[in-house]
């Protein structure tokens, strides 16, 4: 790519990674902590809500840390995509598009950014590049989409039991 492109990819990885770390930290230690997060997940129709809360925390912290390091970038992006798909489908879709109305606008941007980062690759300032394991282009985007979609479908199939209309 070039020095400016690599610096831009580093910035994207750092910001997306930091957003995920802070989000995971908030699910763990913010507001109502794990108990509050579990209660919220239960309200979305997810079974085993305490397990879901911990899985969410670990996924968000882990994906964020991997993105910051530029390590296993497509898998970290797939984790981000899966978290955003679950959030978008269960929590935000019923409220429409706009984030100020609790809509899916924000999670859509983060999910698409994760797929795009899979295609662009982590850039030169990443452990993936140093180790010679960077996956980019259609393969990177496909890996993000495939793993993210399968993870989301698996979670929903095993743990989501939609509430019945009253």
C-alpha atoms as a PDB file:
ATOM      1  CA  UNK A   1       0.000   0.000   0.000  1.00  0.00           C
ATOM      2  CA  UNK A   2       1.887   3.026   1.140  1.00  0.00           C
ATOM      3  CA  UNK A   3       2.892   4.767   4.285  1.00  0.00           C
ATOM      4  CA  UNK A   4      -0.259   6.916   4.474  1.00  0.00           C
ATOM      5  CA  UNK A   5      -2.517   3.906   3.858  1.00  0.00           C
ATOM      6  CA  UNK A   6      -0.703   1.861   6.472  1.00  0.00           C
ATOM      7  CA  UNK A   7      -1.026   4.698   8.980  1.00  0.00           C
ATOM      8  CA  UNK A   8      -4.744   4.966   8.172  1.00  0.00           C
ATOM      9  CA  UNK A   9      -5.204   1.210   8.692  1.00  0.00           C
ATOM     10  CA  UNK A  10      -3.382   1.473  12.007  1.00  0.00           C
ATOM     11  CA  UNK A  11      -5.731   4.293  13.054  1.00  0.00           C
ATOM     12  CA  UNK A  12      -8.804   2.283  12.022  1.00  0.00           C
ATOM     13  CA  UNK A  13      -7.560  -0.789  13.911  1.00  0.00           C
ATOM     14  CA  UNK A  14      -6.705   1.233  17.015  1.00  0.00           C
ATOM     15  CA  UNK A  15     -10.045   3.050  17.118  1.00  0.00           C
ATOM     16  CA  UNK A  16     -12.190  -0.005  16.365  1.00  0.00           C
ATOM     17  CA  UNK A  17     -10.146  -2.055  18.834  1.00  0.00           C
ATOM     18  CA  UNK A  18     -10.435   0.599  21.540  1.00  0.00           C
ATOM     19  CA  UNK A  19     -14.194   0.904  20.973  1.00  0.00           C
ATOM     20  CA  UNK A  20     -14.570  -2.843  21.442  1.00  0.00           C
ATOM     21  CA  UNK A  21     -12.367  -2.933  24.556  1.00  0.00           C
ATOM     22  CA  UNK A  22     -14.274  -0.067  26.182  1.00  0.00           C
ATOM     23  CA  UNK A  23     -17.611  -1.628  25.222  1.00  0.00           C
ATOM     24  CA  UNK A  24     -16.570  -4.963  26.729  1.00  0.00           C
ATOM     25  CA  UNK A  25     -15.259  -3.231  29.851  1.00  0.00           C
ATOM     26  CA  UNK A  26     -18.583  -1.414  30.209  1.00  0.00           C
ATOM     27  CA  UNK A  27     -20.506  -4.685  29.961  1.00  0.00           C
ATOM     28  CA  UNK A  28     -18.279  -6.074  32.706  1.00  0.00           C
ATOM     29  CA  UNK A  29     -17.655  -3.186  35.101  1.00  0.00           C
ATOM     30  CA  UNK A  30     -19.963  -0.345  34.061  1.00  0.00           C
ATOM     31  CA  UNK A  31     -23.498   0.421  35.147  1.00  0.00           C
ATOM     32  CA  UNK A  32     -25.044  -2.781  36.408  1.00  0.00           C
ATOM     33  CA  UNK A  33     -21.956  -4.859  35.640  1.00  0.00           C
ATOM     34  CA  UNK A  34     -22.360  -8.481  34.571  1.00  0.00           C
ATOM     35  CA  UNK A  35     -25.673  -8.760  36.411  1.00  0.00           C
ATOM     36  CA  UNK A  36     -27.127  -5.762  34.568  1.00  0.00           C
ATOM     37  CA  UNK A  37     -25.742  -6.961  31.241  1.00  0.00           C
ATOM     38  CA  UNK A  38     -27.225 -10.415  31.853  1.00  0.00           C
ATOM     39  CA  UNK A  39     -30.602  -8.871  32.715  1.00  0.00           C
ATOM     40  CA  UNK A  40     -30.486  -6.873  29.457  1.00  0.00           C
ATOM     41  CA  UNK A  41     -29.594  -9.995  27.427  1.00  0.00           C
ATOM     42  CA  UNK A  42     -32.455 -11.892  29.058  1.00  0.00           C
ATOM     43  CA  UNK A  43     -34.782  -9.087  27.982  1.00  0.00           C
ATOM     44  CA  UNK A  44     -33.637  -9.615  24.402  1.00  0.00           C
ATOM     45  CA  UNK A  45     -34.737 -13.255  24.548  1.00  0.00           C
ATOM     46  CA  UNK A  46     -31.331 -14.846  25.095  1.00  0.00           C
ATOM     47  CA  UNK A  47     -31.212 -17.894  27.340  1.00  0.00           C
ATOM     48  CA  UNK A  48     -28.363 -18.398  29.804  1.00  0.00           C
ATOM     49  CA  UNK A  49     -28.028 -14.616  30.083  1.00  0.00           C
ATOM     50  CA  UNK A  50     -25.152 -14.618  32.583  1.00  0.00           C
ATOM     51  CA  UNK A  51     -23.143 -16.861  30.247  1.00  0.00           C
ATOM     52  CA  UNK A  52     -24.064 -14.534  27.369  1.00  0.00           C
ATOM     53  CA  UNK A  53     -22.861 -11.536  29.362  1.00  0.00           C
ATOM     54  CA  UNK A  54     -19.478 -13.143  30.040  1.00  0.00           C
ATOM     55  CA  UNK A  55     -19.122 -14.356  26.436  1.00  0.00           C
ATOM     56  CA  UNK A  56     -19.884 -10.839  25.249  1.00  0.00           C
ATOM     57  CA  UNK A  57     -17.278  -9.340  27.582  1.00  0.00           C
ATOM     58  CA  UNK A  58     -14.605 -11.850  26.552  1.00  0.00           C
ATOM     59  CA  UNK A  59     -15.399 -11.478  22.849  1.00  0.00           C
ATOM     60  CA  UNK A  60     -15.339  -7.682  22.938  1.00  0.00           C
ATOM     61  CA  UNK A  61     -12.178  -7.433  25.064  1.00  0.00           C
ATOM     62  CA  UNK A  62     -10.417 -10.144  23.044  1.00  0.00           C
ATOM     63  CA  UNK A  63     -11.389  -8.831  19.619  1.00  0.00           C
ATOM     64  CA  UNK A  64     -10.418  -5.307  20.658  1.00  0.00           C
ATOM     65  CA  UNK A  65      -7.011  -6.387  21.932  1.00  0.00           C
ATOM     66  CA  UNK A  66      -6.339  -8.424  18.777  1.00  0.00           C
ATOM     67  CA  UNK A  67      -7.297  -5.474  16.562  1.00  0.00           C
ATOM     68  CA  UNK A  68      -5.043  -3.115  18.490  1.00  0.00           C
ATOM     69  CA  UNK A  69      -2.143  -5.541  18.039  1.00  0.00           C
ATOM     70  CA  UNK A  70      -3.048  -6.345  14.447  1.00  0.00           C
ATOM     71  CA  UNK A  71      -3.022 -10.053  15.269  1.00  0.00           C
ATOM     72  CA  UNK A  72      -5.426 -12.541  13.682  1.00  0.00           C
ATOM     73  CA  UNK A  73      -7.147  -9.514  12.213  1.00  0.00           C
ATOM     74  CA  UNK A  74      -9.798 -11.344  10.125  1.00  0.00           C
ATOM     75  CA  UNK A  75     -10.898 -13.387  13.141  1.00  0.00           C
ATOM     76  CA  UNK A  76     -10.999 -10.289  15.346  1.00  0.00           C
ATOM     77  CA  UNK A  77     -13.073  -8.549  12.664  1.00  0.00           C
ATOM     78  CA  UNK A  78     -15.382 -11.584  12.465  1.00  0.00           C
ATOM     79  CA  UNK A  79     -15.930 -11.311  16.224  1.00  0.00           C
ATOM     80  CA  UNK A  80     -16.770  -7.613  15.862  1.00  0.00           C
ATOM     81  CA  UNK A  81     -19.147  -8.377  12.999  1.00  0.00           C
ATOM     82  CA  UNK A  82     -20.888 -11.103  15.004  1.00  0.00           C
ATOM     83  CA  UNK A  83     -21.324  -8.853  18.048  1.00  0.00           C
ATOM     84  CA  UNK A  84     -22.736  -6.118  15.808  1.00  0.00           C
ATOM     85  CA  UNK A  85     -25.075  -8.529  14.015  1.00  0.00           C
ATOM     86  CA  UNK A  86     -26.477  -9.841  17.283  1.00  0.00           C
ATOM     87  CA  UNK A  87     -26.858  -6.319  18.673  1.00  0.00           C
ATOM     88  CA  UNK A  88     -28.370  -5.042  15.444  1.00  0.00           C
ATOM     89  CA  UNK A  89     -30.825  -7.891  15.041  1.00  0.00           C
ATOM     90  CA  UNK A  90     -31.972  -8.242  18.638  1.00  0.00           C
ATOM     91  CA  UNK A  91     -31.594  -4.825  20.247  1.00  0.00           C
ATOM     92  CA  UNK A  92     -31.586  -2.152  17.553  1.00  0.00           C
ATOM     93  CA  UNK A  93     -33.524  -3.345  14.471  1.00  0.00           C
ATOM     94  CA  UNK A  94     -36.960  -2.892  16.061  1.00  0.00           C
ATOM     95  CA  UNK A  95     -36.181   0.801  16.602  1.00  0.00           C
ATOM     96  CA  UNK A  96     -35.381   1.689  12.988  1.00  0.00           C
ATOM     97  CA  UNK A  97     -32.240   3.197  11.524  1.00  0.00           C
ATOM     98  CA  UNK A  98     -31.273   6.225  13.614  1.00  0.00           C
ATOM     99  CA  UNK A  99     -28.976   5.750  16.593  1.00  0.00           C
ATOM    100  CA  UNK A 100     -30.629   8.606  18.516  1.00  0.00           C
ATOM    101  CA  UNK A 101     -33.789   6.461  18.517  1.00  0.00           C
ATOM    102  CA  UNK A 102     -31.836   3.334  19.610  1.00  0.00           C
ATOM    103  CA  UNK A 103     -31.680   2.207  15.951  1.00  0.00           C
ATOM    104  CA  UNK A 104     -29.071   0.145  14.139  1.00  0.00           C
ATOM    105  CA  UNK A 105     -27.129   2.983  12.480  1.00  0.00           C
ATOM    106  CA  UNK A 106     -24.043   2.693  14.729  1.00  0.00           C
ATOM    107  CA  UNK A 107     -23.790  -1.113  14.752  1.00  0.00           C
ATOM    108  CA  UNK A 108     -24.194  -1.119  10.963  1.00  0.00           C
ATOM    109  CA  UNK A 109     -21.196   1.197  10.577  1.00  0.00           C
ATOM    110  CA  UNK A 110     -19.028  -0.892  12.921  1.00  0.00           C
ATOM    111  CA  UNK A 111     -20.047  -4.144  11.205  1.00  0.00           C
ATOM    112  CA  UNK A 112     -19.317  -2.845   7.705  1.00  0.00           C
ATOM    113  CA  UNK A 113     -16.033  -1.379   8.931  1.00  0.00           C
ATOM    114  CA  UNK A 114     -15.053  -4.805  10.268  1.00  0.00           C
ATOM    115  CA  UNK A 115     -15.723  -6.417   6.875  1.00  0.00           C
ATOM    116  CA  UNK A 116     -13.849  -3.643   5.066  1.00  0.00           C
ATOM    117  CA  UNK A 117     -10.880  -4.035   7.410  1.00  0.00           C
ATOM    118  CA  UNK A 118     -10.889  -7.737   6.580  1.00  0.00           C
ATOM    119  CA  UNK A 119     -10.553  -6.837   2.902  1.00  0.00           C
ATOM    120  CA  UNK A 120      -7.970  -4.090   3.421  1.00  0.00           C
ATOM    121  CA  UNK A 121      -5.895  -6.142   5.843  1.00  0.00           C
ATOM    122  CA  UNK A 122      -4.169  -4.898   8.970  1.00  0.00           C
ATOM    123  CA  UNK A 123      -1.493  -2.819   7.231  1.00  0.00           C
ATOM    124  CA  UNK A 124       2.267  -2.902   7.735  1.00  0.00           C
ATOM    125  CA  UNK A 125       2.109  -1.838  11.390  1.00  0.00           C
ATOM    126  CA  UNK A 126       0.582  -5.115  12.556  1.00  0.00           C
ATOM    127  CA  UNK A 127       1.738  -8.389  14.056  1.00  0.00           C
ATOM    128  CA  UNK A 128      -0.013 -10.236  11.208  1.00  0.00           C
ATOM    129  CA  UNK A 129       2.339  -8.571   8.715  1.00  0.00           C
ATOM    130  CA  UNK A 130       5.400  -9.168  10.887  1.00  0.00           C
ATOM    131  CA  UNK A 131       4.508 -12.862  11.145  1.00  0.00           C
ATOM    132  CA  UNK A 132       3.639 -13.133   7.446  1.00  0.00           C
ATOM    133  CA  UNK A 133       0.077 -14.286   8.159  1.00  0.00           C
ATOM    134  CA  UNK A 134      -1.943 -11.302   6.905  1.00  0.00           C
ATOM    135  CA  UNK A 135      -5.035 -12.249   4.917  1.00  0.00           C
ATOM    136  CA  UNK A 136      -6.406  -9.506   2.668  1.00  0.00           C
ATOM    137  CA  UNK A 137      -8.686  -8.889  -0.298  1.00  0.00           C
ATOM    138  CA  UNK A 138     -11.648 -11.124  -1.032  1.00  0.00           C
ATOM    139  CA  UNK A 139     -10.179 -13.873   1.166  1.00  0.00           C
ATOM    140  CA  UNK A 140      -9.998 -11.561   4.169  1.00  0.00           C
ATOM    141  CA  UNK A 141     -13.483 -10.138   3.645  1.00  0.00           C
ATOM    142  CA  UNK A 142     -14.868 -13.625   3.009  1.00  0.00           C
ATOM    143  CA  UNK A 143     -13.287 -14.943   6.182  1.00  0.00           C
ATOM    144  CA  UNK A 144     -14.799 -12.087   8.206  1.00  0.00           C
ATOM    145  CA  UNK A 145     -18.240 -12.547   6.639  1.00  0.00           C
ATOM    146  CA  UNK A 146     -18.201 -16.343   6.856  1.00  0.00           C
ATOM    147  CA  UNK A 147     -16.967 -16.689  10.425  1.00  0.00           C
ATOM    148  CA  UNK A 148     -19.063 -13.732  11.611  1.00  0.00           C
ATOM    149  CA  UNK A 149     -22.260 -15.059  10.027  1.00  0.00           C
ATOM    150  CA  UNK A 150     -21.719 -18.629  11.268  1.00  0.00           C
ATOM    151  CA  UNK A 151     -20.953 -17.421  14.803  1.00  0.00           C
ATOM    152  CA  UNK A 152     -24.063 -15.238  14.814  1.00  0.00           C
ATOM    153  CA  UNK A 153     -26.293 -17.987  13.426  1.00  0.00           C
ATOM    154  CA  UNK A 154     -24.897 -20.465  15.952  1.00  0.00           C
ATOM    155  CA  UNK A 155     -25.463 -18.160  18.895  1.00  0.00           C
ATOM    156  CA  UNK A 156     -29.008 -17.337  17.822  1.00  0.00           C
ATOM    157  CA  UNK A 157     -29.875 -20.976  17.079  1.00  0.00           C
ATOM    158  CA  UNK A 158     -28.636 -22.197  20.448  1.00  0.00           C
ATOM    159  CA  UNK A 159     -29.482 -19.304  22.781  1.00  0.00           C
ATOM    160  CA  UNK A 160     -32.197 -17.054  21.318  1.00  0.00           C
ATOM    161  CA  UNK A 161     -35.795 -17.755  22.153  1.00  0.00           C
ATOM    162  CA  UNK A 162     -37.873 -14.851  20.863  1.00  0.00           C
ATOM    163  CA  UNK A 163     -40.615 -13.590  23.111  1.00  0.00           C
ATOM    164  CA  UNK A 164     -44.119 -14.391  22.002  1.00  0.00           C
ATOM    165  CA  UNK A 165     -46.342 -11.464  21.086  1.00  0.00           C
ATOM    166  CA  UNK A 166     -48.910 -10.723  23.753  1.00  0.00           C
END
